[in-house]
N, C-alpha and C. Protein backbone atom coordinates (compact mmCIF):
# COMPACT_ATOMS: atom_id res chain seq x y z
N MET A 1 -17.83 9.18 11.54
CA MET A 1 -16.83 9.41 11.36
C MET A 1 -16.46 11.00 12.04
N THR A 2 -15.32 10.91 12.50
CA THR A 2 -15.09 12.00 13.74
C THR A 2 -14.18 12.65 12.75
N ALA A 3 -14.06 14.32 12.51
CA ALA A 3 -13.28 15.19 11.97
C ALA A 3 -11.99 15.03 12.15
N SER A 4 -11.66 14.36 13.22
CA SER A 4 -10.12 14.16 13.56
C SER A 4 -9.73 12.44 12.54
N SER A 5 -10.46 11.89 12.23
CA SER A 5 -10.07 11.00 11.74
C SER A 5 -10.03 10.95 10.11
N ARG A 6 -10.59 12.34 9.62
CA ARG A 6 -10.61 12.32 8.30
C ARG A 6 -8.95 12.63 7.72
N PRO A 7 -8.37 13.15 8.21
CA PRO A 7 -7.07 13.39 7.46
C PRO A 7 -6.11 12.21 7.66
N TRP A 8 -6.29 11.31 8.31
CA TRP A 8 -6.04 10.09 8.42
C TRP A 8 -6.29 9.10 7.50
N ILE A 9 -7.29 9.41 7.16
CA ILE A 9 -8.06 8.28 6.25
C ILE A 9 -7.78 8.82 4.41
N LEU A 10 -7.94 10.00 4.90
CA LEU A 10 -6.79 10.87 3.61
C LEU A 10 -5.38 10.41 3.24
N LEU A 11 -4.34 10.73 4.41
CA LEU A 11 -3.34 10.48 4.23
C LEU A 11 -3.09 8.77 3.62
N ALA A 12 -4.08 7.90 4.01
CA ALA A 12 -3.75 6.40 3.70
C ALA A 12 -4.21 6.46 2.42
N ALA A 13 -5.29 7.26 1.60
CA ALA A 13 -5.67 6.71 0.45
C ALA A 13 -4.44 7.15 -0.39
N ALA A 14 -4.30 8.77 0.28
CA ALA A 14 -3.10 9.23 -0.82
C ALA A 14 -1.30 8.23 -0.69
N ILE A 15 -1.15 7.44 0.33
CA ILE A 15 0.15 6.70 0.41
C ILE A 15 -0.58 5.60 -0.44
N ALA A 16 -1.84 5.57 -0.99
CA ALA A 16 -2.09 4.11 -1.47
C ALA A 16 -1.97 4.28 -2.93
N THR A 17 -2.56 5.60 -3.52
CA THR A 17 -2.72 6.23 -4.85
C THR A 17 -0.77 6.15 -5.27
N VAL A 18 -0.34 6.74 -4.16
CA VAL A 18 1.33 7.14 -5.11
C VAL A 18 2.15 5.98 -4.80
N GLY A 19 1.77 5.29 -4.34
CA GLY A 19 2.02 3.41 -4.08
C GLY A 19 1.82 2.97 -5.91
N ALA A 20 0.53 2.90 -6.06
CA ALA A 20 -0.18 2.48 -7.18
C ALA A 20 0.59 3.51 -8.46
N LEU A 21 0.93 4.33 -8.10
CA LEU A 21 1.89 5.51 -9.35
C LEU A 21 3.40 4.90 -9.54
N ILE A 22 3.61 4.60 -8.57
CA ILE A 22 4.75 4.31 -8.79
C ILE A 22 5.27 2.61 -9.48
N HIS A 23 4.33 2.03 -8.94
CA HIS A 23 4.50 0.52 -9.71
C HIS A 23 3.88 0.57 -11.03
N VAL A 24 3.04 1.57 -11.38
CA VAL A 24 3.06 1.60 -13.08
C VAL A 24 4.17 2.29 -13.51
N ALA A 25 4.81 3.22 -12.79
CA ALA A 25 5.66 4.16 -13.52
C ALA A 25 6.83 3.31 -13.74
N ALA A 26 7.06 2.22 -12.86
CA ALA A 26 8.33 1.16 -12.93
C ALA A 26 8.52 0.76 -14.21
N ILE A 27 6.91 0.39 -14.92
CA ILE A 27 7.19 -0.12 -16.11
C ILE A 27 8.05 0.51 -17.32
N PRO A 28 7.81 1.64 -17.34
CA PRO A 28 8.36 2.31 -18.56
C PRO A 28 10.03 3.01 -17.88
N ALA A 29 9.98 3.06 -16.96
CA ALA A 29 11.17 3.66 -16.10
C ALA A 29 12.05 2.60 -16.11
N GLY A 30 11.74 0.99 -16.06
CA GLY A 30 12.80 0.12 -16.19
C GLY A 30 13.33 -0.21 -15.20
N PRO A 31 14.38 -1.53 -15.13
CA PRO A 31 15.21 -2.06 -14.10
C PRO A 31 15.56 -1.13 -13.05
N SER A 32 15.88 -0.29 -13.57
CA SER A 32 16.65 1.05 -11.77
C SER A 32 15.91 0.70 -11.01
N TRP A 33 14.22 1.43 -11.29
CA TRP A 33 13.23 1.96 -10.69
C TRP A 33 12.66 0.33 -10.11
N TYR A 34 12.97 -0.93 -10.27
CA TYR A 34 12.29 -2.13 -9.51
C TYR A 34 13.37 -2.26 -8.33
N ALA A 35 14.61 -2.16 -9.19
CA ALA A 35 15.59 -2.40 -7.82
C ALA A 35 16.02 -1.16 -7.03
N TYR A 36 15.61 -0.05 -6.99
CA TYR A 36 15.35 1.17 -6.23
C TYR A 36 14.19 0.92 -4.91
N PHE A 37 13.24 0.46 -5.77
CA PHE A 37 11.74 0.34 -4.50
C PHE A 37 11.85 -1.51 -4.61
N GLY A 38 13.25 -2.19 -4.42
CA GLY A 38 13.18 -3.19 -3.24
C GLY A 38 12.31 -4.49 -4.40
N ALA A 39 12.15 -4.35 -5.30
CA ALA A 39 11.61 -5.37 -6.02
C ALA A 39 12.46 -6.72 -5.81
N PRO A 40 12.23 -8.13 -5.60
CA PRO A 40 13.38 -9.07 -5.65
C PRO A 40 14.07 -8.95 -6.80
N PRO A 41 15.09 -9.88 -7.03
CA PRO A 41 16.00 -9.85 -7.71
C PRO A 41 15.60 -10.51 -9.11
N ALA A 42 14.45 -11.71 -9.31
CA ALA A 42 13.86 -12.35 -9.96
C ALA A 42 13.28 -11.01 -10.73
N VAL A 43 12.59 -9.95 -10.38
CA VAL A 43 11.73 -9.31 -10.75
C VAL A 43 12.42 -8.23 -11.63
N VAL A 44 13.46 -7.73 -10.95
CA VAL A 44 14.49 -6.75 -11.66
C VAL A 44 15.35 -7.67 -12.80
N ALA A 45 15.77 -8.76 -12.74
CA ALA A 45 15.71 -9.79 -13.72
C ALA A 45 15.09 -9.64 -15.28
N SER A 46 13.49 -9.84 -14.63
CA SER A 46 12.66 -9.84 -15.85
C SER A 46 12.58 -8.43 -16.41
N ALA A 47 12.76 -7.23 -15.48
CA ALA A 47 12.26 -6.32 -16.09
C ALA A 47 13.59 -5.93 -17.23
N ARG A 48 14.70 -6.42 -16.71
CA ARG A 48 16.06 -6.34 -17.58
C ARG A 48 15.88 -7.23 -18.71
N ALA A 49 15.22 -8.25 -18.95
CA ALA A 49 15.27 -9.14 -20.20
C ALA A 49 14.19 -8.82 -20.66
N GLY A 50 13.17 -7.65 -20.39
CA GLY A 50 11.81 -7.70 -20.84
C GLY A 50 10.92 -8.55 -21.07
N THR A 51 10.83 -9.27 -20.40
CA THR A 51 10.18 -10.69 -19.93
C THR A 51 8.42 -10.32 -19.04
N TRP A 52 7.41 -10.74 -19.11
CA TRP A 52 6.28 -10.43 -18.54
C TRP A 52 6.29 -10.55 -17.19
N PRO A 53 6.87 -10.98 -16.37
CA PRO A 53 6.67 -11.07 -14.85
C PRO A 53 6.86 -9.74 -14.38
N ALA A 54 7.86 -8.91 -14.52
CA ALA A 54 8.05 -7.75 -14.05
C ALA A 54 6.89 -6.48 -14.37
N PRO A 55 6.53 -6.17 -15.73
CA PRO A 55 4.81 -5.81 -15.55
C PRO A 55 3.78 -5.97 -15.32
N VAL A 56 4.01 -7.29 -15.05
CA VAL A 56 2.25 -8.04 -14.99
C VAL A 56 2.50 -7.81 -13.55
N GLY A 57 3.50 -8.20 -12.84
CA GLY A 57 3.64 -7.83 -11.11
C GLY A 57 2.98 -6.61 -10.40
N ALA A 58 3.78 -5.51 -11.30
CA ALA A 58 3.77 -4.29 -11.05
C ALA A 58 2.12 -3.80 -11.46
N VAL A 59 1.93 -4.10 -12.34
CA VAL A 59 0.32 -3.71 -12.99
C VAL A 59 -0.40 -3.94 -11.62
N ALA A 60 -0.59 -5.77 -11.15
CA ALA A 60 -1.25 -6.25 -10.37
C ALA A 60 -0.91 -6.31 -8.68
N ILE A 61 0.05 -5.23 -8.24
CA ILE A 61 0.48 -4.05 -7.38
C ILE A 61 -0.14 -3.02 -7.13
N ALA A 62 0.08 -2.42 -8.39
CA ALA A 62 -0.96 -1.27 -8.56
C ALA A 62 -2.20 -1.33 -8.64
N GLY A 63 -2.74 -2.52 -8.90
CA GLY A 63 -4.29 -2.84 -8.73
C GLY A 63 -4.95 -2.73 -7.35
N LEU A 64 -4.35 -3.62 -6.30
CA LEU A 64 -4.62 -3.71 -4.89
C LEU A 64 -4.13 -2.18 -4.28
N MET A 65 -3.43 -1.88 -4.65
CA MET A 65 -2.86 -0.17 -4.18
C MET A 65 -4.30 0.70 -4.59
N ALA A 66 -4.28 0.34 -5.73
CA ALA A 66 -5.64 1.46 -6.35
C ALA A 66 -6.84 1.14 -5.59
N THR A 67 -6.79 -0.16 -5.07
CA THR A 67 -8.22 -0.89 -4.25
C THR A 67 -8.22 -0.39 -3.46
N CYS A 68 -6.78 -0.26 -2.63
CA CYS A 68 -6.87 0.16 -1.00
C CYS A 68 -7.52 1.90 -1.36
N ALA A 69 -6.97 2.70 -1.96
CA ALA A 69 -7.27 4.05 -2.25
C ALA A 69 -8.62 4.03 -2.26
N TRP A 70 -9.66 3.29 -3.49
CA TRP A 70 -10.46 3.47 -3.20
C TRP A 70 -11.69 3.06 -2.13
N TYR A 71 -11.17 2.02 -1.47
CA TYR A 71 -11.50 1.73 -0.03
C TYR A 71 -11.54 2.51 1.01
N ALA A 72 -10.38 3.83 0.78
CA ALA A 72 -10.12 4.84 2.04
C ALA A 72 -10.90 6.20 1.63
N CYS A 73 -11.07 6.06 0.17
CA CYS A 73 -12.16 7.19 -0.54
C CYS A 73 -13.31 7.18 -0.19
N ALA A 74 -13.80 5.66 -0.29
CA ALA A 74 -15.44 5.54 0.29
C ALA A 74 -15.54 5.97 1.45
N ALA A 75 -14.93 5.39 2.38
CA ALA A 75 -14.96 5.63 4.00
C ALA A 75 -15.22 6.76 4.21
N LEU A 76 -14.90 7.95 3.23
CA LEU A 76 -14.92 9.30 3.52
C LEU A 76 -16.42 9.67 2.27
N ASP A 77 -16.93 8.74 2.05
CA ASP A 77 -17.94 9.24 0.89
C ASP A 77 -17.89 9.88 -0.01
N MET A 78 -16.38 9.91 -0.52
CA MET A 78 -15.93 10.61 -1.68
C MET A 78 -16.27 9.73 -3.30
N VAL A 79 -16.17 8.56 -2.51
CA VAL A 79 -16.79 7.54 -4.26
C VAL A 79 -17.72 6.69 -3.88
N ARG A 80 -18.28 5.86 -4.92
CA ARG A 80 -19.57 4.86 -4.64
C ARG A 80 -18.46 3.76 -3.47
N ARG A 81 -19.08 3.50 -2.87
CA ARG A 81 -19.20 2.08 -1.49
C ARG A 81 -18.85 1.02 -2.48
N PRO A 82 -17.45 0.46 -1.87
CA PRO A 82 -16.99 -0.67 -2.69
C PRO A 82 -18.11 -1.99 -1.52
N PRO A 83 -18.17 -3.21 -2.30
CA PRO A 83 -18.59 -4.38 -1.36
C PRO A 83 -17.47 -4.67 -0.24
N LEU A 84 -18.46 -4.87 1.00
CA LEU A 84 -17.64 -5.21 2.21
C LEU A 84 -16.30 -3.91 2.92
N LEU A 85 -17.16 -2.81 2.71
CA LEU A 85 -16.47 -1.74 3.00
C LEU A 85 -15.64 -2.15 4.58
N ARG A 86 -16.04 -2.17 5.06
CA ARG A 86 -15.75 -2.38 6.85
C ARG A 86 -14.73 -3.27 7.01
N THR A 87 -15.09 -4.70 6.37
CA THR A 87 -14.09 -5.69 5.91
C THR A 87 -12.85 -5.48 5.51
N GLY A 88 -12.79 -4.70 4.36
CA GLY A 88 -11.49 -4.43 3.47
C GLY A 88 -11.15 -3.58 4.31
N LEU A 89 -11.60 -2.34 4.77
CA LEU A 89 -10.54 -1.86 5.59
C LEU A 89 -10.09 -2.44 6.71
N ALA A 90 -10.92 -3.15 7.27
CA ALA A 90 -10.17 -4.04 8.38
C ALA A 90 -8.88 -4.96 8.10
N VAL A 91 -9.01 -5.49 6.82
CA VAL A 91 -8.16 -6.00 6.30
C VAL A 91 -7.07 -5.64 5.93
N MET A 92 -6.93 -4.49 5.13
CA MET A 92 -5.84 -3.38 4.74
C MET A 92 -5.30 -2.61 6.16
N ALA A 93 -6.11 -2.66 7.08
CA ALA A 93 -5.22 -1.75 7.65
C ALA A 93 -4.45 -2.99 8.69
N ALA A 94 -4.39 -4.18 9.12
CA ALA A 94 -4.04 -5.46 9.47
C ALA A 94 -2.83 -5.59 8.59
N ILE A 95 -3.21 -5.50 7.39
CA ILE A 95 -1.79 -5.97 6.41
C ILE A 95 -0.64 -4.67 6.49
N CYS A 96 -1.31 -3.70 6.50
CA CYS A 96 -0.35 -2.61 6.75
C CYS A 96 0.39 -2.31 7.83
N LEU A 97 -0.52 -2.40 9.24
CA LEU A 97 -0.05 -2.11 10.57
C LEU A 97 0.97 -3.70 10.57
N VAL A 98 1.18 -4.52 10.50
CA VAL A 98 1.96 -5.87 10.20
C VAL A 98 3.07 -5.73 9.70
N ARG A 99 2.87 -5.17 8.14
CA ARG A 99 4.00 -4.63 7.19
C ARG A 99 5.19 -3.79 8.19
N ALA A 100 4.15 -2.75 8.80
CA ALA A 100 5.41 -1.57 9.94
C ALA A 100 5.76 -2.00 10.96
N LEU A 101 5.28 -3.19 11.63
CA LEU A 101 5.55 -3.67 12.77
C LEU A 101 6.52 -4.47 12.45
N LEU A 102 6.71 -5.60 11.34
CA LEU A 102 7.43 -6.01 11.38
C LEU A 102 8.84 -5.99 11.19
N LEU A 103 9.09 -4.79 10.64
CA LEU A 103 10.44 -4.02 10.11
C LEU A 103 11.35 -4.61 11.30
N PRO A 104 11.34 -3.77 12.30
CA PRO A 104 12.03 -3.72 13.47
C PRO A 104 12.61 -5.16 13.56
N PRO A 105 11.97 -5.90 14.31
CA PRO A 105 12.58 -7.35 14.31
C PRO A 105 13.23 -8.55 13.24
N LEU A 106 12.50 -7.68 12.21
CA LEU A 106 13.44 -8.50 10.90
C LEU A 106 14.79 -7.95 10.75
N ALA A 107 14.91 -6.60 11.19
CA ALA A 107 16.02 -5.75 10.69
C ALA A 107 16.99 -6.79 11.38
N VAL A 108 16.60 -6.22 12.78
CA VAL A 108 17.66 -7.35 13.46
C VAL A 108 18.52 -8.64 13.10
N LEU A 109 17.52 -8.96 12.06
CA LEU A 109 18.03 -10.33 11.57
C LEU A 109 18.54 -10.80 10.51
N HIS A 110 17.99 -9.17 9.99
CA HIS A 110 18.30 -9.39 8.35
C HIS A 110 19.19 -7.82 8.05
N PRO A 111 20.09 -7.40 8.16
CA PRO A 111 20.58 -6.24 8.38
C PRO A 111 20.41 -5.91 6.80
N ALA A 112 20.40 -6.48 5.55
CA ALA A 112 19.87 -6.11 4.23
C ALA A 112 18.90 -5.09 4.30
N LEU A 113 17.90 -5.36 5.67
CA LEU A 113 16.45 -4.63 5.31
C LEU A 113 16.97 -2.78 6.47
N ARG A 114 18.34 -3.03 7.05
CA ARG A 114 18.18 -1.79 7.49
C ARG A 114 18.83 -0.79 6.84
N ASN A 115 17.74 0.08 5.99
CA ASN A 115 18.15 1.25 4.76
C ASN A 115 16.74 2.28 4.91
N THR A 116 16.93 2.92 4.38
CA THR A 116 16.39 4.27 4.21
C THR A 116 15.13 4.08 3.44
N PHE A 117 14.91 3.46 2.38
CA PHE A 117 13.81 2.46 2.03
C PHE A 117 13.02 2.36 3.01
N GLU A 118 13.30 0.87 3.14
CA GLU A 118 12.85 0.16 4.24
C GLU A 118 12.02 0.90 5.46
N VAL A 119 12.64 1.66 6.26
CA VAL A 119 12.31 2.64 6.76
C VAL A 119 11.06 3.24 6.86
N VAL A 120 11.05 4.38 5.32
CA VAL A 120 10.41 4.77 5.17
C VAL A 120 9.26 4.55 4.78
N ALA A 121 9.18 3.14 4.05
CA ALA A 121 8.30 2.50 3.57
C ALA A 121 7.59 1.83 4.63
N ALA A 122 7.88 1.33 5.90
CA ALA A 122 7.25 1.12 7.05
C ALA A 122 6.82 1.97 7.51
N ILE A 123 6.93 3.18 7.90
CA ILE A 123 6.63 4.55 8.34
C ILE A 123 4.97 4.61 7.82
N ALA A 124 5.67 5.02 6.31
CA ALA A 124 4.19 5.15 5.49
C ALA A 124 3.16 4.08 5.38
N TRP A 125 3.60 2.76 5.48
CA TRP A 125 2.31 1.55 5.72
C TRP A 125 2.29 1.34 6.86
N GLY A 126 2.68 1.85 7.97
CA GLY A 126 1.99 2.48 9.24
C GLY A 126 1.15 3.27 9.57
N LEU A 127 1.72 4.29 8.90
CA LEU A 127 0.33 5.69 8.69
C LEU A 127 -0.76 5.58 7.90
N ALA A 128 -0.84 4.35 7.24
CA ALA A 128 -1.87 3.93 5.85
C ALA A 128 -2.39 3.23 6.93
N GLY A 129 -1.51 2.17 7.63
CA GLY A 129 -2.87 1.39 8.36
C GLY A 129 -3.58 2.37 9.33
N ILE A 130 -2.89 2.92 10.05
CA ILE A 130 -3.92 3.67 10.83
C ILE A 130 -5.16 4.74 10.29
N GLY A 131 -4.86 4.98 9.91
CA GLY A 131 -6.09 5.36 8.30
C GLY A 131 -6.72 4.79 7.97
N PHE A 132 -6.32 3.03 7.58
CA PHE A 132 -7.32 2.29 7.27
C PHE A 132 -8.51 1.63 8.39
N ALA A 133 -7.67 1.87 9.44
CA ALA A 133 -8.52 0.95 10.75
C ALA A 133 -9.46 2.38 10.96
N LEU A 134 -9.03 4.00 11.26
CA LEU A 134 -10.13 4.81 11.47
C LEU A 134 -11.16 4.64 10.22
N GLY A 135 -10.89 4.37 8.97
CA GLY A 135 -11.72 4.36 8.19
C GLY A 135 -12.77 3.11 8.52
N CYS A 136 -12.03 2.17 9.01
CA CYS A 136 -13.14 1.09 9.48
C CYS A 136 -13.92 1.16 10.78
N ALA A 137 -13.53 2.18 11.57
CA ALA A 137 -13.98 2.24 12.56
C ALA A 137 -15.31 3.01 12.65
N GLY A 138 -15.48 4.30 11.58
CA GLY A 138 -15.96 5.20 11.38
C GLY A 138 -16.96 5.19 10.01
N ALA A 139 -16.51 3.75 8.98
CA ALA A 139 -17.51 3.77 8.09
C ALA A 139 -18.74 3.30 8.72
N ARG A 140 -20.00 3.63 7.93
CA ARG A 140 -21.16 3.78 8.34
C ARG A 140 -21.36 2.12 8.00
N ARG A 141 -22.47 1.76 8.62
CA ARG A 141 -22.56 0.27 8.55
C ARG A 141 -23.20 0.00 7.30
N GLY A 142 -22.85 -0.84 6.77
CA GLY A 142 -23.96 -1.22 5.45
C GLY A 142 -24.10 -2.60 5.05
N ARG A 143 -23.67 -3.22 4.00
CA ARG A 143 -23.75 -4.64 3.63
C ARG A 143 -23.18 -5.31 4.34
N ASP A 144 -22.01 -4.82 4.86
CA ASP A 144 -21.16 -5.86 5.89
C ASP A 144 -21.29 -5.48 7.07
């Protein structure tokens, strides 16, 4: 791994960690947080009604984002190496980069996507995707 890729991988880990924390914090914060952070209307309705889909979904997404942070930190040798490190980072990079690159064409067809939150999220996940890709490229070959 090169010294120049370290900050990008750390940024990916930070973005994923903040995303996980936001999802966990949305549970006690309530429906307004779910709505602000772009949850589907059914999830916001679940939060308003106090039913299980909203908090279970938030915990599941937080778990996925925490896993992304773990993999990024493992690429930096900061934590224990997870299974299939390089493969996981490659998949994470692809998902994040697709998420970022799909916004412009989708925003043309769906004007509701033209808002500050969606643009900031696309930029953040695009940067995370770069970090995951660099992590994949620089991770030592192990069991995968």
